[in-house]
Amino acid sequence: ARVRILSTTCLEAALVAEGAIDAFADACSDTHRLVDLAAAAVTV
């Protein structure tokens, strides 16, 4: 319904965990490293 590109994995993951946004994704470009997703793995 709506797309926003914030460009920071940590902030986007926090917004998902908090319920402010439904999801975010890297569209098949293999951009994320463990340091990008570790906090999301815990909080989300």
PDB file of all heavy atoms in Angstrom:
ATOM      1  N   ALA A   1       0.832  -1.196   0.000  1.00  0.00           N
ATOM      2  CA  ALA A   1       0.000   0.000   0.000  1.00  0.00           C
ATOM      3  C   ALA A   1       0.871   1.252   0.000  1.00  0.00           C
ATOM      4  O   ALA A   1       0.488   2.281  -0.543  1.00  0.00           O
ATOM      5  CB  ALA A   1      -0.913  -0.002   1.222  1.00  0.00           C
ATOM      6  N   ARG A   2       2.055   1.154   0.605  1.00  0.00           N
ATOM      7  CA  ARG A   2       2.940   2.312   0.709  1.00  0.00           C
ATOM      8  C   ARG A   2       4.375   1.809   0.854  1.00  0.00           C
ATOM      9  O   ARG A   2       4.637   0.854   1.570  1.00  0.00           O
ATOM     10  CB  ARG A   2       2.551   3.115   1.929  1.00  0.00           C
ATOM     11  CG  ARG A   2       3.294   4.380   2.097  1.00  0.00           C
ATOM     12  CD  ARG A   2       2.671   5.161   3.227  1.00  0.00           C
ATOM     13  NE  ARG A   2       3.529   6.278   3.547  1.00  0.00           N
ATOM     14  CZ  ARG A   2       3.390   7.009   4.612  1.00  0.00           C
ATOM     15  NH1 ARG A   2       2.432   6.738   5.469  1.00  0.00           N
ATOM     16  NH2 ARG A   2       4.187   8.006   4.837  1.00  0.00           N
ATOM     17  N   VAL A   3       5.295   2.460   0.200  1.00  0.00           N
ATOM     18  CA  VAL A   3       6.707   2.083   0.254  1.00  0.00           C
ATOM     19  C   VAL A   3       7.527   3.289   0.678  1.00  0.00           C
ATOM     20  O   VAL A   3       7.334   4.385   0.161  1.00  0.00           O
ATOM     21  CB  VAL A   3       7.208   1.587  -1.127  1.00  0.00           C
ATOM     22  CG1 VAL A   3       8.701   1.332  -1.100  1.00  0.00           C
ATOM     23  CG2 VAL A   3       6.452   0.357  -1.563  1.00  0.00           C
ATOM     24  N   ARG A   4       8.428   3.075   1.641  1.00  0.00           N
ATOM     25  CA  ARG A   4       9.383   4.105   2.058  1.00  0.00           C
ATOM     26  C   ARG A   4      10.753   3.477   2.061  1.00  0.00           C
ATOM     27  O   ARG A   4      10.918   2.332   2.458  1.00  0.00           O
ATOM     28  CB  ARG A   4       9.068   4.612   3.455  1.00  0.00           C
ATOM     29  CG  ARG A   4       7.755   5.375   3.494  1.00  0.00           C
ATOM     30  CD  ARG A   4       7.620   6.085   4.770  1.00  0.00           C
ATOM     31  NE  ARG A   4       8.559   7.211   4.739  1.00  0.00           N
ATOM     32  CZ  ARG A   4       8.550   8.189   5.620  1.00  0.00           C
ATOM     33  NH1 ARG A   4       7.684   8.184   6.588  1.00  0.00           N
ATOM     34  NH2 ARG A   4       9.410   9.163   5.534  1.00  0.00           N
ATOM     35  N   ILE A   5      11.737   4.224   1.646  1.00  0.00           N
ATOM     36  CA  ILE A   5      13.112   3.747   1.658  1.00  0.00           C
ATOM     37  C   ILE A   5      13.880   4.630   2.635  1.00  0.00           C
ATOM     38  O   ILE A   5      14.134   5.795   2.350  1.00  0.00           O
ATOM     39  CB  ILE A   5      13.727   3.778   0.250  1.00  0.00           C
ATOM     40  CG1 ILE A   5      12.907   2.882  -0.664  1.00  0.00           C
ATOM     41  CG2 ILE A   5      15.186   3.356   0.295  1.00  0.00           C
ATOM     42  CD1 ILE A   5      13.293   2.957  -2.117  1.00  0.00           C
ATOM     43  N   LEU A   6      14.208   4.064   3.788  1.00  0.00           N
ATOM     44  CA  LEU A   6      14.882   4.821   4.832  1.00  0.00           C
ATOM     45  C   LEU A   6      16.399   4.656   4.765  1.00  0.00           C
ATOM     46  O   LEU A   6      17.133   5.489   5.249  1.00  0.00           O
ATOM     47  CB  LEU A   6      14.370   4.404   6.210  1.00  0.00           C
ATOM     48  CG  LEU A   6      12.863   4.587   6.415  1.00  0.00           C
ATOM     49  CD1 LEU A   6      12.445   4.025   7.761  1.00  0.00           C
ATOM     50  CD2 LEU A   6      12.489   6.046   6.303  1.00  0.00           C
ATOM     51  N   SER A   7      16.837   3.547   4.230  1.00  0.00           N
ATOM     52  CA  SER A   7      18.260   3.326   3.984  1.00  0.00           C
ATOM     53  C   SER A   7      19.090   3.040   5.227  1.00  0.00           C
ATOM     54  O   SER A   7      20.280   3.285   5.238  1.00  0.00           O
ATOM     55  CB  SER A   7      18.845   4.509   3.226  1.00  0.00           C
ATOM     56  OG  SER A   7      19.758   4.058   2.280  1.00  0.00           O
ATOM     57  N   THR A   8      18.486   2.552   6.273  1.00  0.00           N
ATOM     58  CA  THR A   8      19.228   2.122   7.442  1.00  0.00           C
ATOM     59  C   THR A   8      18.570   0.890   8.039  1.00  0.00           C
ATOM     60  O   THR A   8      17.457   0.955   8.555  1.00  0.00           O
ATOM     61  CB  THR A   8      19.387   3.227   8.493  1.00  0.00           C
ATOM     62  OG1 THR A   8      19.922   2.664   9.684  1.00  0.00           O
ATOM     63  CG2 THR A   8      18.112   3.930   8.811  1.00  0.00           C
ATOM     64  N   THR A   9      19.232  -0.230   7.925  1.00  0.00           N
ATOM     65  CA  THR A   9      18.679  -1.507   8.364  1.00  0.00           C
ATOM     66  C   THR A   9      18.298  -1.486   9.832  1.00  0.00           C
ATOM     67  O   THR A   9      17.241  -1.986  10.210  1.00  0.00           O
ATOM     68  CB  THR A   9      19.697  -2.626   8.091  1.00  0.00           C
ATOM     69  OG1 THR A   9      19.965  -2.654   6.694  1.00  0.00           O
ATOM     70  CG2 THR A   9      19.174  -3.972   8.527  1.00  0.00           C
ATOM     71  N   CYS A  10      19.132  -0.926  10.647  1.00  0.00           N
ATOM     72  CA  CYS A  10      18.874  -0.910  12.087  1.00  0.00           C
ATOM     73  C   CYS A  10      17.581  -0.162  12.419  1.00  0.00           C
ATOM     74  O   CYS A  10      16.754  -0.644  13.179  1.00  0.00           O
ATOM     75  CB  CYS A  10      20.062  -0.294  12.816  1.00  0.00           C
ATOM     76  SG  CYS A  10      19.949  -0.441  14.595  1.00  0.00           S
ATOM     77  N   LEU A  11      17.397   1.018  11.841  1.00  0.00           N
ATOM     78  CA  LEU A  11      16.186   1.797  12.076  1.00  0.00           C
ATOM     79  C   LEU A  11      14.964   1.076  11.517  1.00  0.00           C
ATOM     80  O   LEU A  11      13.924   1.003  12.169  1.00  0.00           O
ATOM     81  CB  LEU A  11      16.305   3.190  11.459  1.00  0.00           C
ATOM     82  CG  LEU A  11      15.054   4.066  11.534  1.00  0.00           C
ATOM     83  CD1 LEU A  11      14.614   4.269  12.979  1.00  0.00           C
ATOM     84  CD2 LEU A  11      15.299   5.395  10.848  1.00  0.00           C
ATOM     85  N   GLU A  12      15.082   0.546  10.318  1.00  0.00           N
ATOM     86  CA  GLU A  12      13.952  -0.156   9.714  1.00  0.00           C
ATOM     87  C   GLU A  12      13.539  -1.365  10.557  1.00  0.00           C
ATOM     88  O   GLU A  12      12.358  -1.616  10.762  1.00  0.00           O
ATOM     89  CB  GLU A  12      14.293  -0.550   8.280  1.00  0.00           C
ATOM     90  CG  GLU A  12      14.398   0.672   7.376  1.00  0.00           C
ATOM     91  CD  GLU A  12      15.026   0.380   6.037  1.00  0.00           C
ATOM     92  OE1 GLU A  12      15.777  -0.608   5.903  1.00  0.00           O
ATOM     93  OE2 GLU A  12      14.773   1.164   5.104  1.00  0.00           O
ATOM     94  N   ALA A  13      14.507  -2.112  11.059  1.00  0.00           N
ATOM     95  CA  ALA A  13      14.198  -3.265  11.915  1.00  0.00           C
ATOM     96  C   ALA A  13      13.520  -2.826  13.210  1.00  0.00           C
ATOM     97  O   ALA A  13      12.562  -3.459  13.670  1.00  0.00           O
ATOM     98  CB  ALA A  13      15.470  -4.054  12.220  1.00  0.00           C
ATOM     99  N   ALA A  14      14.006  -1.739  13.794  1.00  0.00           N
ATOM    100  CA  ALA A  14      13.382  -1.227  15.013  1.00  0.00           C
ATOM    101  C   ALA A  14      11.943  -0.816  14.756  1.00  0.00           C
ATOM    102  O   ALA A  14      11.056  -1.046  15.582  1.00  0.00           O
ATOM    103  CB  ALA A  14      14.188  -0.053  15.563  1.00  0.00           C
ATOM    104  N   LEU A  15      11.680  -0.216  13.598  1.00  0.00           N
ATOM    105  CA  LEU A  15      10.307   0.180  13.260  1.00  0.00           C
ATOM    106  C   LEU A  15       9.402  -1.038  13.066  1.00  0.00           C
ATOM    107  O   LEU A  15       8.226  -1.001  13.427  1.00  0.00           O
ATOM    108  CB  LEU A  15      10.310   1.066  12.016  1.00  0.00           C
ATOM    109  CG  LEU A  15      10.919   2.455  12.210  1.00  0.00           C
ATOM    110  CD1 LEU A  15      11.087   3.166  10.873  1.00  0.00           C
ATOM    111  CD2 LEU A  15      10.074   3.287  13.166  1.00  0.00           C
ATOM    112  N   VAL A  16       9.939  -2.106  12.523  1.00  0.00           N
ATOM    113  CA  VAL A  16       9.154  -3.350  12.401  1.00  0.00           C
ATOM    114  C   VAL A  16       8.863  -3.903  13.789  1.00  0.00           C
ATOM    115  O   VAL A  16       7.725  -4.245  14.112  1.00  0.00           O
ATOM    116  CB  VAL A  16       9.880  -4.396  11.525  1.00  0.00           C
ATOM    117  CG1 VAL A  16       9.154  -5.739  11.573  1.00  0.00           C
ATOM    118  CG2 VAL A  16       9.989  -3.918  10.084  1.00  0.00           C
ATOM    119  N   ALA A  17       9.877  -3.996  14.630  1.00  0.00           N
ATOM    120  CA  ALA A  17       9.700  -4.541  15.984  1.00  0.00           C
ATOM    121  C   ALA A  17       8.698  -3.722  16.788  1.00  0.00           C
ATOM    122  O   ALA A  17       7.906  -4.281  17.560  1.00  0.00           O
ATOM    123  CB  ALA A  17      11.045  -4.586  16.714  1.00  0.00           C
ATOM    124  N   GLU A  18       8.705  -2.406  16.584  1.00  0.00           N
ATOM    125  CA  GLU A  18       7.810  -1.514  17.313  1.00  0.00           C
ATOM    126  C   GLU A  18       6.388  -1.518  16.751  1.00  0.00           C
ATOM    127  O   GLU A  18       5.452  -1.110  17.408  1.00  0.00           O
ATOM    128  CB  GLU A  18       8.402  -0.089  17.249  1.00  0.00           C
ATOM    129  CG  GLU A  18       7.850   0.857  18.261  1.00  0.00           C
ATOM    130  CD  GLU A  18       6.859   1.831  17.644  1.00  0.00           C
ATOM    131  OE1 GLU A  18       6.817   1.989  16.417  1.00  0.00           O
ATOM    132  OE2 GLU A  18       6.110   2.423  18.411  1.00  0.00           O
ATOM    133  N   GLY A  19       6.220  -1.992  15.519  1.00  0.00           N
ATOM    134  CA  GLY A  19       4.901  -2.043  14.904  1.00  0.00           C
ATOM    135  C   GLY A  19       4.576  -0.844  14.036  1.00  0.00           C
ATOM    136  O   GLY A  19       3.452  -0.702  13.563  1.00  0.00           O
ATOM    137  N   ALA A  20       5.550   0.037  13.812  1.00  0.00           N
ATOM    138  CA  ALA A  20       5.306   1.233  13.001  1.00  0.00           C
ATOM    139  C   ALA A  20       5.256   0.923  11.509  1.00  0.00           C
ATOM    140  O   ALA A  20       4.574   1.616  10.761  1.00  0.00           O
ATOM    141  CB  ALA A  20       6.378   2.287  13.275  1.00  0.00           C
ATOM    142  N   ILE A  21       6.003  -0.084  11.074  1.00  0.00           N
ATOM    143  CA  ILE A  21       5.945  -0.526   9.678  1.00  0.00           C
ATOM    144  C   ILE A  21       5.814  -2.046   9.662  1.00  0.00           C
ATOM    145  O   ILE A  21       6.129  -2.716  10.648  1.00  0.00           O
ATOM    146  CB  ILE A  21       7.184  -0.075   8.852  1.00  0.00           C
ATOM    147  CG1 ILE A  21       8.477  -0.682   9.394  1.00  0.00           C
ATOM    148  CG2 ILE A  21       7.270   1.437   8.801  1.00  0.00           C
ATOM    149  CD1 ILE A  21       9.704  -0.389   8.531  1.00  0.00           C
ATOM    150  N   ASP A  22       5.320  -2.581   8.561  1.00  0.00           N
ATOM    151  CA  ASP A  22       5.075  -4.021   8.460  1.00  0.00           C
ATOM    152  C   ASP A  22       6.314  -4.820   8.095  1.00  0.00           C
ATOM    153  O   ASP A  22       6.481  -5.944   8.561  1.00  0.00           O
ATOM    154  CB  ASP A  22       3.987  -4.311   7.423  1.00  0.00           C
ATOM    155  CG  ASP A  22       2.634  -3.771   7.848  1.00  0.00           C
ATOM    156  OD1 ASP A  22       2.366  -3.720   9.073  1.00  0.00           O
ATOM    157  OD2 ASP A  22       1.852  -3.388   6.966  1.00  0.00           O
ATOM    158  N   ALA A  23       7.165  -4.263   7.238  1.00  0.00           N
ATOM    159  CA  ALA A  23       8.306  -5.051   6.771  1.00  0.00           C
ATOM    160  C   ALA A  23       9.303  -4.179   6.036  1.00  0.00           C
ATOM    161  O   ALA A  23       8.992  -3.058   5.635  1.00  0.00           O
ATOM    162  CB  ALA A  23       7.828  -6.150   5.825  1.00  0.00           C
ATOM    163  N   PHE A  24      10.488  -4.723   5.856  1.00  0.00           N
ATOM    164  CA  PHE A  24      11.451  -4.170   4.921  1.00  0.00           C
ATOM    165  C   PHE A  24      12.258  -5.319   4.364  1.00  0.00           C
ATOM    166  O   PHE A  24      12.295  -6.409   4.929  1.00  0.00           O
ATOM    167  CB  PHE A  24      12.334  -3.091   5.545  1.00  0.00           C
ATOM    168  CG  PHE A  24      13.524  -3.595   6.302  1.00  0.00           C
ATOM    169  CD1 PHE A  24      14.740  -3.810   5.646  1.00  0.00           C
ATOM    170  CD2 PHE A  24      13.452  -3.842   7.642  1.00  0.00           C
ATOM    171  CE1 PHE A  24      15.843  -4.268   6.345  1.00  0.00           C
ATOM    172  CE2 PHE A  24      14.551  -4.289   8.348  1.00  0.00           C
ATOM    173  CZ  PHE A  24      15.749  -4.510   7.692  1.00  0.00           C
ATOM    174  N   ALA A  25      12.894  -5.068   3.221  1.00  0.00           N
ATOM    175  CA  ALA A  25      13.626  -6.156   2.576  1.00  0.00           C
ATOM    176  C   ALA A  25      14.731  -5.642   1.675  1.00  0.00           C
ATOM    177  O   ALA A  25      14.657  -4.537   1.152  1.00  0.00           O
ATOM    178  CB  ALA A  25      12.656  -6.996   1.731  1.00  0.00           C
ATOM    179  N   ASP A  26      15.715  -6.483   1.523  1.00  0.00           N
ATOM    180  CA  ASP A  26      16.734  -6.324   0.496  1.00  0.00           C
ATOM    181  C   ASP A  26      16.244  -7.201  -0.655  1.00  0.00           C
ATOM    182  O   ASP A  26      16.117  -8.408  -0.495  1.00  0.00           O
ATOM    183  CB  ASP A  26      18.086  -6.801   1.028  1.00  0.00           C
ATOM    184  CG  ASP A  26      19.095  -7.057  -0.078  1.00  0.00           C
ATOM    185  OD1 ASP A  26      18.938  -6.520  -1.187  1.00  0.00           O
ATOM    186  OD2 ASP A  26      20.046  -7.802   0.169  1.00  0.00           O
ATOM    187  N   ALA A  27      15.986  -6.596  -1.771  1.00  0.00           N
ATOM    188  CA  ALA A  27      15.367  -7.337  -2.882  1.00  0.00           C
ATOM    189  C   ALA A  27      16.382  -8.132  -3.691  1.00  0.00           C
ATOM    190  O   ALA A  27      16.685  -7.815  -4.831  1.00  0.00           O
ATOM    191  CB  ALA A  27      14.603  -6.381  -3.779  1.00  0.00           C
ATOM    192  N   CYS A  28      16.914  -9.173  -3.064  1.00  0.00           N
ATOM    193  CA  CYS A  28      17.753 -10.154  -3.762  1.00  0.00           C
ATOM    194  C   CYS A  28      19.119  -9.644  -4.189  1.00  0.00           C
ATOM    195  O   CYS A  28      19.713 -10.195  -5.104  1.00  0.00           O
ATOM    196  CB  CYS A  28      17.018 -10.736  -4.957  1.00  0.00           C
ATOM    197  SG  CYS A  28      15.423 -11.441  -4.549  1.00  0.00           S
ATOM    198  N   SER A  29      19.640  -8.625  -3.527  1.00  0.00           N
ATOM    199  CA  SER A  29      20.961  -8.139  -3.920  1.00  0.00           C
ATOM    200  C   SER A  29      22.053  -8.549  -2.943  1.00  0.00           C
ATOM    201  O   SER A  29      23.197  -8.134  -3.088  1.00  0.00           O
ATOM    202  CB  SER A  29      20.946  -6.614  -4.077  1.00  0.00           C
ATOM    203  OG  SER A  29      20.738  -5.995  -2.823  1.00  0.00           O
ATOM    204  N   ASP A  30      21.706  -9.356  -1.953  1.00  0.00           N
ATOM    205  CA  ASP A  30      22.685  -9.839  -0.974  1.00  0.00           C
ATOM    206  C   ASP A  30      23.521  -8.707  -0.395  1.00  0.00           C
ATOM    207  O   ASP A  30      24.739  -8.739  -0.380  1.00  0.00           O
ATOM    208  CB  ASP A  30      23.598 -10.903  -1.591  1.00  0.00           C
ATOM    209  CG  ASP A  30      22.908 -12.244  -1.736  1.00  0.00           C
ATOM    210  OD1 ASP A  30      21.854 -12.441  -1.104  1.00  0.00           O
ATOM    211  OD2 ASP A  30      23.418 -13.092  -2.468  1.00  0.00           O
ATOM    212  N   THR A  31      22.843  -7.698   0.122  1.00  0.00           N
ATOM    213  CA  THR A  31      23.489  -6.519   0.671  1.00  0.00           C
ATOM    214  C   THR A  31      23.793  -6.642   2.165  1.00  0.00           C
ATOM    215  O   THR A  31      24.781  -6.127   2.643  1.00  0.00           O
ATOM    216  CB  THR A  31      22.606  -5.281   0.433  1.00  0.00           C
ATOM    217  OG1 THR A  31      22.437  -5.128  -0.971  1.00  0.00           O
ATOM    218  CG2 THR A  31      23.218  -4.030   1.005  1.00  0.00           C
ATOM    219  N   HIS A  32      22.920  -7.325   2.898  1.00  0.00           N
ATOM    220  CA  HIS A  32      23.059  -7.352   4.356  1.00  0.00           C
ATOM    221  C   HIS A  32      24.171  -8.266   4.851  1.00  0.00           C
ATOM    222  O   HIS A  32      24.317  -9.387   4.402  1.00  0.00           O
ATOM    223  CB  HIS A  32      21.740  -7.800   4.993  1.00  0.00           C
ATOM    224  CG  HIS A  32      20.680  -6.784   4.876  1.00  0.00           C
ATOM    225  ND1 HIS A  32      19.580  -6.946   4.064  1.00  0.00           N
ATOM    226  CD2 HIS A  32      20.556  -5.576   5.443  1.00  0.00           C
ATOM    227  CE1 HIS A  32      18.815  -5.885   4.151  1.00  0.00           C
ATOM    228  NE2 HIS A  32      19.388  -5.034   4.973  1.00  0.00           N
ATOM    229  N   ARG A  33      24.916  -7.748   5.830  1.00  0.00           N
ATOM    230  CA  ARG A  33      25.901  -8.540   6.555  1.00  0.00           C
ATOM    231  C   ARG A  33      25.303  -8.892   7.913  1.00  0.00           C
ATOM    232  O   ARG A  33      24.256  -8.369   8.297  1.00  0.00           O
ATOM    233  CB  ARG A  33      27.185  -7.730   6.770  1.00  0.00           C
ATOM    234  CG  ARG A  33      27.871  -7.343   5.484  1.00  0.00           C
ATOM    235  CD  ARG A  33      28.978  -6.348   5.721  1.00  0.00           C
ATOM    236  NE  ARG A  33      28.380  -5.127   6.272  1.00  0.00           N
ATOM    237  CZ  ARG A  33      29.014  -4.260   7.048  1.00  0.00           C
ATOM    238  NH1 ARG A  33      30.263  -4.451   7.367  1.00  0.00           N
ATOM    239  NH2 ARG A  33      28.414  -3.184   7.497  1.00  0.00           N
ATOM    240  N   LEU A  34      25.972  -9.753   8.640  1.00  0.00           N
ATOM    241  CA  LEU A  34      25.492 -10.127   9.965  1.00  0.00           C
ATOM    242  C   LEU A  34      25.308  -8.893  10.846  1.00  0.00           C
ATOM    243  O   LEU A  34      24.315  -8.786  11.564  1.00  0.00           O
ATOM    244  CB  LEU A  34      26.460 -11.107  10.625  1.00  0.00           C
ATOM    245  CG  LEU A  34      26.100 -11.499  12.053  1.00  0.00           C
ATOM    246  CD1 LEU A  34      24.761 -12.227  12.073  1.00  0.00           C
ATOM    247  CD2 LEU A  34      27.175 -12.351  12.661  1.00  0.00           C
ATOM    248  N   VAL A  35      26.234  -7.942  10.771  1.00  0.00           N
ATOM    249  CA  VAL A  35      26.123  -6.749  11.614  1.00  0.00           C
ATOM    250  C   VAL A  35      24.883  -5.921  11.268  1.00  0.00           C
ATOM    251  O   VAL A  35      24.407  -5.154  12.099  1.00  0.00           O
ATOM    252  CB  VAL A  35      27.393  -5.869  11.545  1.00  0.00           C
ATOM    253  CG1 VAL A  35      28.587  -6.603  12.098  1.00  0.00           C
ATOM    254  CG2 VAL A  35      27.666  -5.400  10.133  1.00  0.00           C
ATOM    255  N   ASP A  36      24.357  -6.090  10.069  1.00  0.00           N
ATOM    256  CA  ASP A  36      23.141  -5.383   9.677  1.00  0.00           C
ATOM    257  C   ASP A  36      21.885  -6.056  10.243  1.00  0.00           C
ATOM    258  O   ASP A  36      20.888  -5.387  10.505  1.00  0.00           O
ATOM    259  CB  ASP A  36      23.013  -5.332   8.154  1.00  0.00           C
ATOM    260  CG  ASP A  36      24.155  -4.592   7.493  1.00  0.00           C
ATOM    261  OD1 ASP A  36      24.517  -3.509   7.986  1.00  0.00           O
ATOM    262  OD2 ASP A  36      24.679  -5.099   6.490  1.00  0.00           O
ATOM    263  N   LEU A  37      21.923  -7.360  10.398  1.00  0.00           N
ATOM    264  CA  LEU A  37      20.721  -8.113  10.767  1.00  0.00           C
ATOM    265  C   LEU A  37      20.718  -8.669  12.187  1.00  0.00           C
ATOM    266  O   LEU A  37      19.697  -9.159  12.648  1.00  0.00           O
ATOM    267  CB  LEU A  37      20.512  -9.265   9.778  1.00  0.00           C
ATOM    268  CG  LEU A  37      20.251  -8.844   8.333  1.00  0.00           C
ATOM    269  CD1 LEU A  37      20.226 -10.060   7.418  1.00  0.00           C
ATOM    270  CD2 LEU A  37      18.940  -8.070   8.225  1.00  0.00           C
ATOM    271  N   ALA A  38      21.833  -8.593  12.898  1.00  0.00           N
ATOM    272  CA  ALA A  38      21.918  -9.198  14.234  1.00  0.00           C
ATOM    273  C   ALA A  38      20.896  -8.607  15.202  1.00  0.00           C
ATOM    274  O   ALA A  38      20.197  -9.346  15.896  1.00  0.00           O
ATOM    275  CB  ALA A  38      23.328  -9.050  14.789  1.00  0.00           C
ATOM    276  N   ALA A  39      20.788  -7.292  15.258  1.00  0.00           N
ATOM    277  CA  ALA A  39      19.825  -6.671  16.172  1.00  0.00           C
ATOM    278  C   ALA A  39      18.396  -7.025  15.781  1.00  0.00           C
ATOM    279  O   ALA A  39      17.549  -7.274  16.639  1.00  0.00           O
ATOM    280  CB  ALA A  39      20.004  -5.161  16.190  1.00  0.00           C
ATOM    281  N   ALA A  40      18.130  -7.085  14.492  1.00  0.00           N
ATOM    282  CA  ALA A  40      16.796  -7.465  14.029  1.00  0.00           C
ATOM    283  C   ALA A  40      16.459  -8.892  14.441  1.00  0.00           C
ATOM    284  O   ALA A  40      15.320  -9.187  14.819  1.00  0.00           O
ATOM    285  CB  ALA A  40      16.697  -7.333  12.513  1.00  0.00           C
ATOM    286  N   ALA A  41      17.448  -9.774  14.373  1.00  0.00           N
ATOM    287  CA  ALA A  41      17.218 -11.167  14.755  1.00  0.00           C
ATOM    288  C   ALA A  41      16.772 -11.279  16.211  1.00  0.00           C
ATOM    289  O   ALA A  41      16.008 -12.164  16.565  1.00  0.00           O
ATOM    290  CB  ALA A  41      18.481 -11.994  14.517  1.00  0.00           C
ATOM    291  N   VAL A  42      17.225 -10.353  17.038  1.00  0.00           N
ATOM    292  CA  VAL A  42      16.830 -10.366  18.450  1.00  0.00           C
ATOM    293  C   VAL A  42      15.516  -9.616  18.651  1.00  0.00           C
ATOM    294  O   VAL A  42      14.556 -10.158  19.187  1.00  0.00           O
ATOM    295  CB  VAL A  42      17.945  -9.749  19.333  1.00  0.00           C
ATOM    296  CG1 VAL A  42      17.489  -9.636  20.781  1.00  0.00           C
ATOM    297  CG2 VAL A  42      19.215 -10.570  19.225  1.00  0.00           C
ATOM    298  N   THR A  43      15.451  -8.357  18.231  1.00  0.00           N
ATOM    299  CA  THR A  43      14.299  -7.517  18.551  1.00  0.00           C
ATOM    300  C   THR A  43      13.035  -7.900  17.791  1.00  0.00           C
ATOM    301  O   THR A  43      11.954  -7.944  18.372  1.00  0.00           O
ATOM    302  CB  THR A  43      14.617  -6.037  18.288  1.00  0.00           C
ATOM    303  OG1 THR A  43      14.981  -5.859  16.916  1.00  0.00           O
ATOM    304  CG2 THR A  43      15.736  -5.541  19.183  1.00  0.00           C
ATOM    305  N   VAL A  44      13.176  -8.160  16.514  1.00  0.00           N
ATOM    306  CA  VAL A  44      11.980  -8.450  15.709  1.00  0.00           C
ATOM    307  C   VAL A  44      11.396  -9.818  16.067  1.00  0.00           C
ATOM    308  O   VAL A  44      10.185  -9.954  16.211  1.00  0.00           O
ATOM    309  CB  VAL A  44      12.298  -8.337  14.198  1.00  0.00           C
ATOM    310  CG1 VAL A  44      11.124  -8.796  13.358  1.00  0.00           C
ATOM    311  CG2 VAL A  44      12.663  -6.896  13.860  1.00  0.00           C
TER     312      VAL A  44
END
